[in-house]
């Protein structure tokens, strides 16, 4: 059955991605005491690469062109490598909910990059919404830390957002030529290779970690990595990069709720104001300009 007969599939893929990514912020925060940023990134990516490879190889080996490989290496190094290490280290200083809100500067960058390099239309509604959303992110960054957030954590989360934004724009044309599964598997494998220098830290951390923490690392590799990145790549194939990037603003409310429930921590008060402003920006940015009514001219 063609995708046109199942328009709900991209939306279901987006919903799955958002729930799993929200849980990832909480899991990363929980594991920060026992795993360094690099060790956690490598462990997560190794599990994700093996899981994705088992499925991807059974569906045939992909044959990327030389230009495709350049894109895959860029995505793997930026999204799976730099993004994970920066975010993991940032969550050593910033609570899960605040880090999730800080990463949401990415739709601002995605919209600009998609306009410049993908030829997507930058509407007035999108511009106004992104200004509001960016203002919300600024408030989040300037919120009183409550004694546990610091400027280094804010900068690291913003670095993760930048790496994610560039990788998403690079990935958009790739998923039109290759399957979402193969793109995610190859990029995840590249990310694992990039993080191999942290292998010694991973071995030491795994030796001292509890069994439940090991399973949390496996969870990060299987679900927020293997499943969520694949569903996100599938959705990207059927949606514009800017529209899909904006939907990630739904991750912070989910992360805040999970962080409160499982970790007993919440963001600073001003961060909530910024988060609400960012969500208002999402609603504005997703509005489409009205089509002008064409009045027929008399012959």
C-alpha atoms as a PDB file:
ATOM      1  CA  UNK A   1       0.000   0.000   0.000  1.00  0.00           C
ATOM      2  CA  UNK A   2       1.542   3.371  -0.990  1.00  0.00           C
ATOM      3  CA  UNK A   3       2.259   5.989   1.636  1.00  0.00           C
ATOM      4  CA  UNK A   4      -0.408   8.263   0.117  1.00  0.00           C
ATOM      5  CA  UNK A   5      -3.032   5.766   1.327  1.00  0.00           C
ATOM      6  CA  UNK A   6      -1.567   5.839   4.850  1.00  0.00           C
ATOM      7  CA  UNK A   7      -0.959   9.519   5.663  1.00  0.00           C
ATOM      8  CA  UNK A   8      -0.871   8.693   9.378  1.00  0.00           C
ATOM      9  CA  UNK A   9       2.386   6.736   9.079  1.00  0.00           C
ATOM     10  CA  UNK A  10       4.746   9.785   9.123  1.00  0.00           C
ATOM     11  CA  UNK A  11       2.822  11.182  12.101  1.00  0.00           C
ATOM     12  CA  UNK A  12       3.097   7.853  13.935  1.00  0.00           C
ATOM     13  CA  UNK A  13       6.824   7.810  13.173  1.00  0.00           C
ATOM     14  CA  UNK A  14       7.208  11.329  14.589  1.00  0.00           C
ATOM     15  CA  UNK A  15       5.257  10.451  17.769  1.00  0.00           C
ATOM     16  CA  UNK A  16       7.395   7.349  18.357  1.00  0.00           C
ATOM     17  CA  UNK A  17      10.574   9.362  17.843  1.00  0.00           C
ATOM     18  CA  UNK A  18       9.567  12.123  20.250  1.00  0.00           C
ATOM     19  CA  UNK A  19       8.636   9.742  23.074  1.00  0.00           C
ATOM     20  CA  UNK A  20      11.853   7.754  22.771  1.00  0.00           C
ATOM     21  CA  UNK A  21      14.066  10.830  22.508  1.00  0.00           C
ATOM     22  CA  UNK A  22      12.411  12.352  25.570  1.00  0.00           C
ATOM     23  CA  UNK A  23      13.219   9.200  27.527  1.00  0.00           C
ATOM     24  CA  UNK A  24      16.823   9.415  26.284  1.00  0.00           C
ATOM     25  CA  UNK A  25      17.408  12.757  28.035  1.00  0.00           C
ATOM     26  CA  UNK A  26      16.291  11.193  31.312  1.00  0.00           C
ATOM     27  CA  UNK A  27      18.375   8.038  30.826  1.00  0.00           C
ATOM     28  CA  UNK A  28      21.489  10.078  29.969  1.00  0.00           C
ATOM     29  CA  UNK A  29      21.037  12.177  33.107  1.00  0.00           C
ATOM     30  CA  UNK A  30      20.602   9.028  35.202  1.00  0.00           C
ATOM     31  CA  UNK A  31      23.752   7.386  33.789  1.00  0.00           C
ATOM     32  CA  UNK A  32      25.912  10.507  34.034  1.00  0.00           C
ATOM     33  CA  UNK A  33      27.263   9.518  37.448  1.00  0.00           C
ATOM     34  CA  UNK A  34      28.683   6.200  36.243  1.00  0.00           C
ATOM     35  CA  UNK A  35      29.553   6.746  32.551  1.00  0.00           C
ATOM     36  CA  UNK A  36      31.665   9.499  31.003  1.00  0.00           C
ATOM     37  CA  UNK A  37      30.205  11.323  28.004  1.00  0.00           C
ATOM     38  CA  UNK A  38      32.398   9.472  25.514  1.00  0.00           C
ATOM     39  CA  UNK A  39      31.924   6.042  27.084  1.00  0.00           C
ATOM     40  CA  UNK A  40      28.148   6.390  27.126  1.00  0.00           C
ATOM     41  CA  UNK A  41      28.143   7.575  23.500  1.00  0.00           C
ATOM     42  CA  UNK A  42      30.247   4.625  22.348  1.00  0.00           C
ATOM     43  CA  UNK A  43      28.223   2.053  24.286  1.00  0.00           C
ATOM     44  CA  UNK A  44      24.950   3.414  22.961  1.00  0.00           C
ATOM     45  CA  UNK A  45      26.184   3.565  19.361  1.00  0.00           C
ATOM     46  CA  UNK A  46      27.688   0.065  19.397  1.00  0.00           C
ATOM     47  CA  UNK A  47      24.370  -1.414  20.545  1.00  0.00           C
ATOM     48  CA  UNK A  48      22.458   0.692  18.004  1.00  0.00           C
ATOM     49  CA  UNK A  49      24.787  -0.231  15.144  1.00  0.00           C
ATOM     50  CA  UNK A  50      24.560  -3.959  15.862  1.00  0.00           C
ATOM     51  CA  UNK A  51      20.765  -3.870  16.163  1.00  0.00           C
ATOM     52  CA  UNK A  52      20.317  -1.813  13.014  1.00  0.00           C
ATOM     53  CA  UNK A  53      22.841  -3.907  11.091  1.00  0.00           C
ATOM     54  CA  UNK A  54      21.031  -7.147  11.888  1.00  0.00           C
ATOM     55  CA  UNK A  55      17.885  -5.774  10.251  1.00  0.00           C
ATOM     56  CA  UNK A  56      19.509  -3.738   7.481  1.00  0.00           C
ATOM     57  CA  UNK A  57      21.694  -6.545   6.126  1.00  0.00           C
ATOM     58  CA  UNK A  58      18.698  -8.878   5.928  1.00  0.00           C
ATOM     59  CA  UNK A  59      17.093  -6.397   3.527  1.00  0.00           C
ATOM     60  CA  UNK A  60      20.099  -6.230   1.237  1.00  0.00           C
ATOM     61  CA  UNK A  61      23.306  -4.262   1.305  1.00  0.00           C
ATOM     62  CA  UNK A  62      23.027  -0.604   0.277  1.00  0.00           C
ATOM     63  CA  UNK A  63      25.208   0.802  -2.485  1.00  0.00           C
ATOM     64  CA  UNK A  64      25.812   4.460  -1.689  1.00  0.00           C
ATOM     65  CA  UNK A  65      27.606   6.570  -4.254  1.00  0.00           C
ATOM     66  CA  UNK A  66      30.755   8.495  -3.421  1.00  0.00           C
ATOM     67  CA  UNK A  67      28.704  11.626  -2.789  1.00  0.00           C
ATOM     68  CA  UNK A  68      26.340   9.648  -0.564  1.00  0.00           C
ATOM     69  CA  UNK A  69      29.271   8.412   1.510  1.00  0.00           C
ATOM     70  CA  UNK A  70      30.380  11.988   2.126  1.00  0.00           C
ATOM     71  CA  UNK A  71      26.921  12.741   3.506  1.00  0.00           C
ATOM     72  CA  UNK A  72      26.835   9.562   5.597  1.00  0.00           C
ATOM     73  CA  UNK A  73      30.216  10.314   7.158  1.00  0.00           C
ATOM     74  CA  UNK A  74      29.115  13.880   7.928  1.00  0.00           C
ATOM     75  CA  UNK A  75      25.866  12.670   9.552  1.00  0.00           C
ATOM     76  CA  UNK A  76      27.650   9.962  11.533  1.00  0.00           C
ATOM     77  CA  UNK A  77      30.379  12.288  12.794  1.00  0.00           C
ATOM     78  CA  UNK A  78      28.052  15.192  13.625  1.00  0.00           C
ATOM     79  CA  UNK A  79      24.727  13.697  14.713  1.00  0.00           C
ATOM     80  CA  UNK A  80      25.864  10.401  16.186  1.00  0.00           C
ATOM     81  CA  UNK A  81      29.306  11.521  17.303  1.00  0.00           C
ATOM     82  CA  UNK A  82      29.499  15.201  18.253  1.00  0.00           C
ATOM     83  CA  UNK A  83      25.817  15.450  19.239  1.00  0.00           C
ATOM     84  CA  UNK A  84      25.944  12.499  21.639  1.00  0.00           C
ATOM     85  CA  UNK A  85      29.227  13.421  23.303  1.00  0.00           C
ATOM     86  CA  UNK A  86      28.265  17.098  23.694  1.00  0.00           C
ATOM     87  CA  UNK A  87      24.792  16.298  25.027  1.00  0.00           C
ATOM     88  CA  UNK A  88      26.062  13.634  27.425  1.00  0.00           C
ATOM     89  CA  UNK A  89      28.669  15.999  28.819  1.00  0.00           C
ATOM     90  CA  UNK A  90      26.155  18.848  28.957  1.00  0.00           C
ATOM     91  CA  UNK A  91      23.818  16.758  31.086  1.00  0.00           C
ATOM     92  CA  UNK A  92      26.566  16.439  33.683  1.00  0.00           C
ATOM     93  CA  UNK A  93      25.816  20.124  34.396  1.00  0.00           C
ATOM     94  CA  UNK A  94      22.218  20.653  33.210  1.00  0.00           C
ATOM     95  CA  UNK A  95      19.082  18.759  34.260  1.00  0.00           C
ATOM     96  CA  UNK A  96      17.264  16.639  31.671  1.00  0.00           C
ATOM     97  CA  UNK A  97      14.341  19.026  31.111  1.00  0.00           C
ATOM     98  CA  UNK A  98      16.548  22.097  30.685  1.00  0.00           C
ATOM     99  CA  UNK A  99      18.891  20.287  28.296  1.00  0.00           C
ATOM    100  CA  UNK A 100      15.930  19.158  26.201  1.00  0.00           C
ATOM    101  CA  UNK A 101      14.691  22.754  25.953  1.00  0.00           C
ATOM    102  CA  UNK A 102      18.146  24.079  25.071  1.00  0.00           C
ATOM    103  CA  UNK A 103      18.525  21.626  22.207  1.00  0.00           C
ATOM    104  CA  UNK A 104      15.332  23.089  20.742  1.00  0.00           C
ATOM    105  CA  UNK A 105      17.291  25.978  19.250  1.00  0.00           C
ATOM    106  CA  UNK A 106      17.859  23.481  16.423  1.00  0.00           C
ATOM    107  CA  UNK A 107      14.637  24.284  14.485  1.00  0.00           C
ATOM    108  CA  UNK A 108      15.869  27.868  14.165  1.00  0.00           C
ATOM    109  CA  UNK A 109      19.085  26.638  12.603  1.00  0.00           C
ATOM    110  CA  UNK A 110      17.339  23.949  10.537  1.00  0.00           C
ATOM    111  CA  UNK A 111      14.923  26.447   8.993  1.00  0.00           C
ATOM    112  CA  UNK A 112      17.757  28.769   8.014  1.00  0.00           C
ATOM    113  CA  UNK A 113      19.890  25.943   6.625  1.00  0.00           C
ATOM    114  CA  UNK A 114      16.951  24.359   4.765  1.00  0.00           C
ATOM    115  CA  UNK A 115      16.161  27.723   3.175  1.00  0.00           C
ATOM    116  CA  UNK A 116      19.769  28.212   2.104  1.00  0.00           C
ATOM    117  CA  UNK A 117      20.597  24.699   0.898  1.00  0.00           C
ATOM    118  CA  UNK A 118      17.346  22.758   0.307  1.00  0.00           C
ATOM    119  CA  UNK A 119      15.324  25.469  -1.406  1.00  0.00           C
ATOM    120  CA  UNK A 120      12.510  25.334   1.163  1.00  0.00           C
ATOM    121  CA  UNK A 121      10.260  28.384   1.503  1.00  0.00           C
ATOM    122  CA  UNK A 122      10.836  30.693   4.465  1.00  0.00           C
ATOM    123  CA  UNK A 123       7.357  32.113   5.149  1.00  0.00           C
ATOM    124  CA  UNK A 124       6.455  35.073   7.329  1.00  0.00           C
ATOM    125  CA  UNK A 125       4.691  32.763   9.793  1.00  0.00           C
ATOM    126  CA  UNK A 126       7.770  30.571  10.012  1.00  0.00           C
ATOM    127  CA  UNK A 127       9.975  33.592  10.604  1.00  0.00           C
ATOM    128  CA  UNK A 128       7.720  35.013  13.323  1.00  0.00           C
ATOM    129  CA  UNK A 129       7.381  31.636  15.016  1.00  0.00           C
ATOM    130  CA  UNK A 130      11.084  31.005  15.002  1.00  0.00           C
ATOM    131  CA  UNK A 131      11.785  34.425  16.526  1.00  0.00           C
ATOM    132  CA  UNK A 132       9.382  33.623  19.367  1.00  0.00           C
ATOM    133  CA  UNK A 133      10.837  30.153  19.795  1.00  0.00           C
ATOM    134  CA  UNK A 134      14.384  31.475  19.830  1.00  0.00           C
ATOM    135  CA  UNK A 135      13.379  34.030  22.455  1.00  0.00           C
ATOM    136  CA  UNK A 136      12.100  31.170  24.573  1.00  0.00           C
ATOM    137  CA  UNK A 137      15.386  29.340  24.234  1.00  0.00           C
ATOM    138  CA  UNK A 138      17.243  32.496  25.311  1.00  0.00           C
ATOM    139  CA  UNK A 139      15.113  32.671  28.460  1.00  0.00           C
ATOM    140  CA  UNK A 140      15.896  29.027  29.147  1.00  0.00           C
ATOM    141  CA  UNK A 141      19.603  29.683  28.788  1.00  0.00           C
ATOM    142  CA  UNK A 142      19.435  32.707  31.105  1.00  0.00           C
ATOM    143  CA  UNK A 143      17.284  30.994  33.738  1.00  0.00           C
ATOM    144  CA  UNK A 144      18.573  30.880  37.274  1.00  0.00           C
ATOM    145  CA  UNK A 145      20.448  27.596  37.555  1.00  0.00           C
ATOM    146  CA  UNK A 146      19.319  26.690  41.051  1.00  0.00           C
ATOM    147  CA  UNK A 147      22.849  25.662  41.938  1.00  0.00           C
ATOM    148  CA  UNK A 148      23.365  22.774  39.511  1.00  0.00           C
ATOM    149  CA  UNK A 149      23.309  24.259  36.010  1.00  0.00           C
ATOM    150  CA  UNK A 150      26.268  26.201  34.623  1.00  0.00           C
ATOM    151  CA  UNK A 151      27.251  28.047  31.479  1.00  0.00           C
ATOM    152  CA  UNK A 152      29.435  25.193  30.217  1.00  0.00           C
ATOM    153  CA  UNK A 153      26.423  22.867  30.209  1.00  0.00           C
ATOM    154  CA  UNK A 154      24.376  25.434  28.264  1.00  0.00           C
ATOM    155  CA  UNK A 155      27.107  25.805  25.628  1.00  0.00           C
ATOM    156  CA  UNK A 156      27.489  22.047  25.255  1.00  0.00           C
ATOM    157  CA  UNK A 157      23.741  21.610  24.687  1.00  0.00           C
ATOM    158  CA  UNK A 158      23.798  24.378  22.088  1.00  0.00           C
ATOM    159  CA  UNK A 159      26.754  22.660  20.376  1.00  0.00           C
ATOM    160  CA  UNK A 160      24.692  19.468  20.248  1.00  0.00           C
ATOM    161  CA  UNK A 161      21.848  21.454  18.664  1.00  0.00           C
ATOM    162  CA  UNK A 162      24.173  22.862  15.995  1.00  0.00           C
ATOM    163  CA  UNK A 163      25.560  19.425  15.109  1.00  0.00           C
ATOM    164  CA  UNK A 164      22.039  18.003  14.913  1.00  0.00           C
ATOM    165  CA  UNK A 165      20.816  20.847  12.668  1.00  0.00           C
ATOM    166  CA  UNK A 166      23.614  20.511  10.135  1.00  0.00           C
ATOM    167  CA  UNK A 167      23.263  16.712  10.035  1.00  0.00           C
ATOM    168  CA  UNK A 168      19.500  16.897   9.469  1.00  0.00           C
ATOM    169  CA  UNK A 169      19.899  19.164   6.444  1.00  0.00           C
ATOM    170  CA  UNK A 170      22.577  16.844   5.039  1.00  0.00           C
ATOM    171  CA  UNK A 171      20.341  13.818   5.653  1.00  0.00           C
ATOM    172  CA  UNK A 172      17.294  15.198   3.833  1.00  0.00           C
ATOM    173  CA  UNK A 173      18.505  14.497   0.248  1.00  0.00           C
ATOM    174  CA  UNK A 174      20.078  11.196   1.320  1.00  0.00           C
ATOM    175  CA  UNK A 175      16.801   9.613   2.451  1.00  0.00           C
ATOM    176  CA  UNK A 176      15.300  10.368  -0.967  1.00  0.00           C
ATOM    177  CA  UNK A 177      17.913   8.056  -2.556  1.00  0.00           C
ATOM    178  CA  UNK A 178      18.554   5.480   0.182  1.00  0.00           C
ATOM    179  CA  UNK A 179      16.246   3.758   2.647  1.00  0.00           C
ATOM    180  CA  UNK A 180      15.852   5.337   6.077  1.00  0.00           C
ATOM    181  CA  UNK A 181      17.041   2.103   7.705  1.00  0.00           C
ATOM    182  CA  UNK A 182      20.277   1.934   5.731  1.00  0.00           C
ATOM    183  CA  UNK A 183      21.047   5.625   6.220  1.00  0.00           C
ATOM    184  CA  UNK A 184      20.566   5.308   9.981  1.00  0.00           C
ATOM    185  CA  UNK A 185      22.620   2.119  10.232  1.00  0.00           C
ATOM    186  CA  UNK A 186      25.578   3.418   8.235  1.00  0.00           C
ATOM    187  CA  UNK A 187      25.590   6.798  10.007  1.00  0.00           C
ATOM    188  CA  UNK A 188      25.328   5.127  13.419  1.00  0.00           C
ATOM    189  CA  UNK A 189      28.265   2.867  12.530  1.00  0.00           C
ATOM    190  CA  UNK A 190      30.326   5.898  11.476  1.00  0.00           C
ATOM    191  CA  UNK A 191      29.452   7.538  14.797  1.00  0.00           C
ATOM    192  CA  UNK A 192      30.610   4.453  16.692  1.00  0.00           C
ATOM    193  CA  UNK A 193      33.918   4.513  14.823  1.00  0.00           C
ATOM    194  CA  UNK A 194      34.339   8.208  15.666  1.00  0.00           C
ATOM    195  CA  UNK A 195      33.815   7.382  19.360  1.00  0.00           C
ATOM    196  CA  UNK A 196      36.253   4.422  19.442  1.00  0.00           C
ATOM    197  CA  UNK A 197      38.901   6.480  21.314  1.00  0.00           C
ATOM    198  CA  UNK A 198      36.569   6.204  24.338  1.00  0.00           C
ATOM    199  CA  UNK A 199      36.704   2.368  24.319  1.00  0.00           C
ATOM    200  CA  UNK A 200      38.961   2.217  27.380  1.00  0.00           C
ATOM    201  CA  UNK A 201      36.599   4.457  29.366  1.00  0.00           C
ATOM    202  CA  UNK A 202      33.644   2.288  28.326  1.00  0.00           C
ATOM    203  CA  UNK A 203      35.349  -0.916  29.513  1.00  0.00           C
ATOM    204  CA  UNK A 204      36.220   0.635  32.883  1.00  0.00           C
ATOM    205  CA  UNK A 205      32.722   2.075  33.368  1.00  0.00           C
ATOM    206  CA  UNK A 206      30.985  -1.169  32.384  1.00  0.00           C
ATOM    207  CA  UNK A 207      33.154  -3.114  34.841  1.00  0.00           C
ATOM    208  CA  UNK A 208      32.062  -0.934  37.749  1.00  0.00           C
ATOM    209  CA  UNK A 209      28.449  -0.272  36.696  1.00  0.00           C
ATOM    210  CA  UNK A 210      25.438  -2.121  38.065  1.00  0.00           C
ATOM    211  CA  UNK A 211      23.427  -4.539  35.974  1.00  0.00           C
ATOM    212  CA  UNK A 212      20.504  -2.122  35.726  1.00  0.00           C
ATOM    213  CA  UNK A 213      22.760   0.652  34.419  1.00  0.00           C
ATOM    214  CA  UNK A 214      24.141  -1.694  31.761  1.00  0.00           C
ATOM    215  CA  UNK A 215      20.587  -2.378  30.654  1.00  0.00           C
ATOM    216  CA  UNK A 216      19.925   1.377  30.506  1.00  0.00           C
ATOM    217  CA  UNK A 217      22.827   1.708  28.055  1.00  0.00           C
ATOM    218  CA  UNK A 218      21.356  -1.145  26.006  1.00  0.00           C
ATOM    219  CA  UNK A 219      17.975   0.613  26.086  1.00  0.00           C
ATOM    220  CA  UNK A 220      19.571   3.819  24.761  1.00  0.00           C
ATOM    221  CA  UNK A 221      21.141   1.865  21.919  1.00  0.00           C
ATOM    222  CA  UNK A 222      18.057  -0.116  20.964  1.00  0.00           C
ATOM    223  CA  UNK A 223      15.227   2.379  21.295  1.00  0.00           C
ATOM    224  CA  UNK A 224      16.239   6.077  21.294  1.00  0.00           C
ATOM    225  CA  UNK A 225      19.041   5.235  18.816  1.00  0.00           C
ATOM    226  CA  UNK A 226      18.093   2.296  16.560  1.00  0.00           C
ATOM    227  CA  UNK A 227      14.308   2.695  16.561  1.00  0.00           C
ATOM    228  CA  UNK A 228      13.929   6.465  16.989  1.00  0.00           C
ATOM    229  CA  UNK A 229      16.568   7.530  14.466  1.00  0.00           C
ATOM    230  CA  UNK A 230      15.060   5.173  11.880  1.00  0.00           C
ATOM    231  CA  UNK A 231      11.512   6.446  12.409  1.00  0.00           C
ATOM    232  CA  UNK A 232      12.828  10.014  12.266  1.00  0.00           C
ATOM    233  CA  UNK A 233      14.624   9.330   8.967  1.00  0.00           C
ATOM    234  CA  UNK A 234      11.381   7.791   7.618  1.00  0.00           C
ATOM    235  CA  UNK A 235       9.393  10.873   8.639  1.00  0.00           C
ATOM    236  CA  UNK A 236      12.034  13.136   7.090  1.00  0.00           C
ATOM    237  CA  UNK A 237      11.493  11.382   3.783  1.00  0.00           C
ATOM    238  CA  UNK A 238       7.839  12.465   3.778  1.00  0.00           C
ATOM    239  CA  UNK A 239       8.041  15.882   5.495  1.00  0.00           C
ATOM    240  CA  UNK A 240      10.069  19.059   5.026  1.00  0.00           C
ATOM    241  CA  UNK A 241      13.175  19.433   7.198  1.00  0.00           C
ATOM    242  CA  UNK A 242      11.940  22.641   8.839  1.00  0.00           C
ATOM    243  CA  UNK A 243       8.471  21.251   9.658  1.00  0.00           C
ATOM    244  CA  UNK A 244       9.906  18.067  11.112  1.00  0.00           C
ATOM    245  CA  UNK A 245      12.509  19.970  13.114  1.00  0.00           C
ATOM    246  CA  UNK A 246       9.820  22.141  14.684  1.00  0.00           C
ATOM    247  CA  UNK A 247       7.918  19.083  15.971  1.00  0.00           C
ATOM    248  CA  UNK A 248      10.834  18.322  18.305  1.00  0.00           C
ATOM    249  CA  UNK A 249       9.624  21.193  20.508  1.00  0.00           C
ATOM    250  CA  UNK A 250       7.241  18.613  21.951  1.00  0.00           C
ATOM    251  CA  UNK A 251      10.193  16.722  23.460  1.00  0.00           C
ATOM    252  CA  UNK A 252      10.835  19.135  26.414  1.00  0.00           C
ATOM    253  CA  UNK A 253       7.376  18.802  28.044  1.00  0.00           C
ATOM    254  CA  UNK A 254       7.680  15.027  27.827  1.00  0.00           C
ATOM    255  CA  UNK A 255      11.224  15.137  29.209  1.00  0.00           C
ATOM    256  CA  UNK A 256      10.248  17.417  32.106  1.00  0.00           C
ATOM    257  CA  UNK A 257       7.436  15.062  33.094  1.00  0.00           C
ATOM    258  CA  UNK A 258       9.704  12.009  32.885  1.00  0.00           C
ATOM    259  CA  UNK A 259      12.511  13.778  34.762  1.00  0.00           C
ATOM    260  CA  UNK A 260      10.171  14.704  37.590  1.00  0.00           C
ATOM    261  CA  UNK A 261       8.704  11.201  37.708  1.00  0.00           C
ATOM    262  CA  UNK A 262      11.919   9.164  37.536  1.00  0.00           C
ATOM    263  CA  UNK A 263      14.672  11.531  38.723  1.00  0.00           C
ATOM    264  CA  UNK A 264      12.791  13.876  41.043  1.00  0.00           C
ATOM    265  CA  UNK A 265      14.273  16.987  39.376  1.00  0.00           C
ATOM    266  CA  UNK A 266      12.726  19.898  37.487  1.00  0.00           C
ATOM    267  CA  UNK A 267      14.140  22.851  35.512  1.00  0.00           C
ATOM    268  CA  UNK A 268      14.487  26.387  36.982  1.00  0.00           C
ATOM    269  CA  UNK A 269      11.306  28.482  37.066  1.00  0.00           C
ATOM    270  CA  UNK A 270      12.388  30.844  34.272  1.00  0.00           C
ATOM    271  CA  UNK A 271      13.038  27.843  32.030  1.00  0.00           C
ATOM    272  CA  UNK A 272       9.323  27.036  32.107  1.00  0.00           C
ATOM    273  CA  UNK A 273       8.539  30.543  30.835  1.00  0.00           C
ATOM    274  CA  UNK A 274      11.016  30.040  28.035  1.00  0.00           C
ATOM    275  CA  UNK A 275       9.557  26.644  27.224  1.00  0.00           C
ATOM    276  CA  UNK A 276       6.023  28.028  26.949  1.00  0.00           C
ATOM    277  CA  UNK A 277       7.267  30.832  24.699  1.00  0.00           C
ATOM    278  CA  UNK A 278       9.057  28.282  22.528  1.00  0.00           C
ATOM    279  CA  UNK A 279       5.877  26.212  22.156  1.00  0.00           C
ATOM    280  CA  UNK A 280       3.943  29.337  21.187  1.00  0.00           C
ATOM    281  CA  UNK A 281       6.573  29.868  18.524  1.00  0.00           C
ATOM    282  CA  UNK A 282       5.991  26.324  17.288  1.00  0.00           C
ATOM    283  CA  UNK A 283       2.257  26.977  16.895  1.00  0.00           C
ATOM    284  CA  UNK A 284       2.923  30.193  14.986  1.00  0.00           C
ATOM    285  CA  UNK A 285       5.628  28.695  12.783  1.00  0.00           C
ATOM    286  CA  UNK A 286       3.425  25.788  11.711  1.00  0.00           C
ATOM    287  CA  UNK A 287       0.758  28.121  10.317  1.00  0.00           C
ATOM    288  CA  UNK A 288       0.660  28.259   6.577  1.00  0.00           C
ATOM    289  CA  UNK A 289       0.077  31.460   4.609  1.00  0.00           C
ATOM    290  CA  UNK A 290      -3.370  31.759   3.113  1.00  0.00           C
ATOM    291  CA  UNK A 291      -3.512  31.198  -0.578  1.00  0.00           C
ATOM    292  CA  UNK A 292      -4.571  34.289  -2.436  1.00  0.00           C
ATOM    293  CA  UNK A 293      -7.996  33.998  -4.006  1.00  0.00           C
ATOM    294  CA  UNK A 294      -7.785  34.446  -7.747  1.00  0.00           C
ATOM    295  CA  UNK A 295     -10.614  36.626  -9.042  1.00  0.00           C
ATOM    296  CA  UNK A 296     -11.488  35.725 -12.658  1.00  0.00           C
ATOM    297  CA  UNK A 297     -11.168  38.662 -15.001  1.00  0.00           C
ATOM    298  CA  UNK A 298     -13.929  39.393 -17.505  1.00  0.00           C
ATOM    299  CA  UNK A 299     -13.118  38.552 -21.062  1.00  0.00           C
END
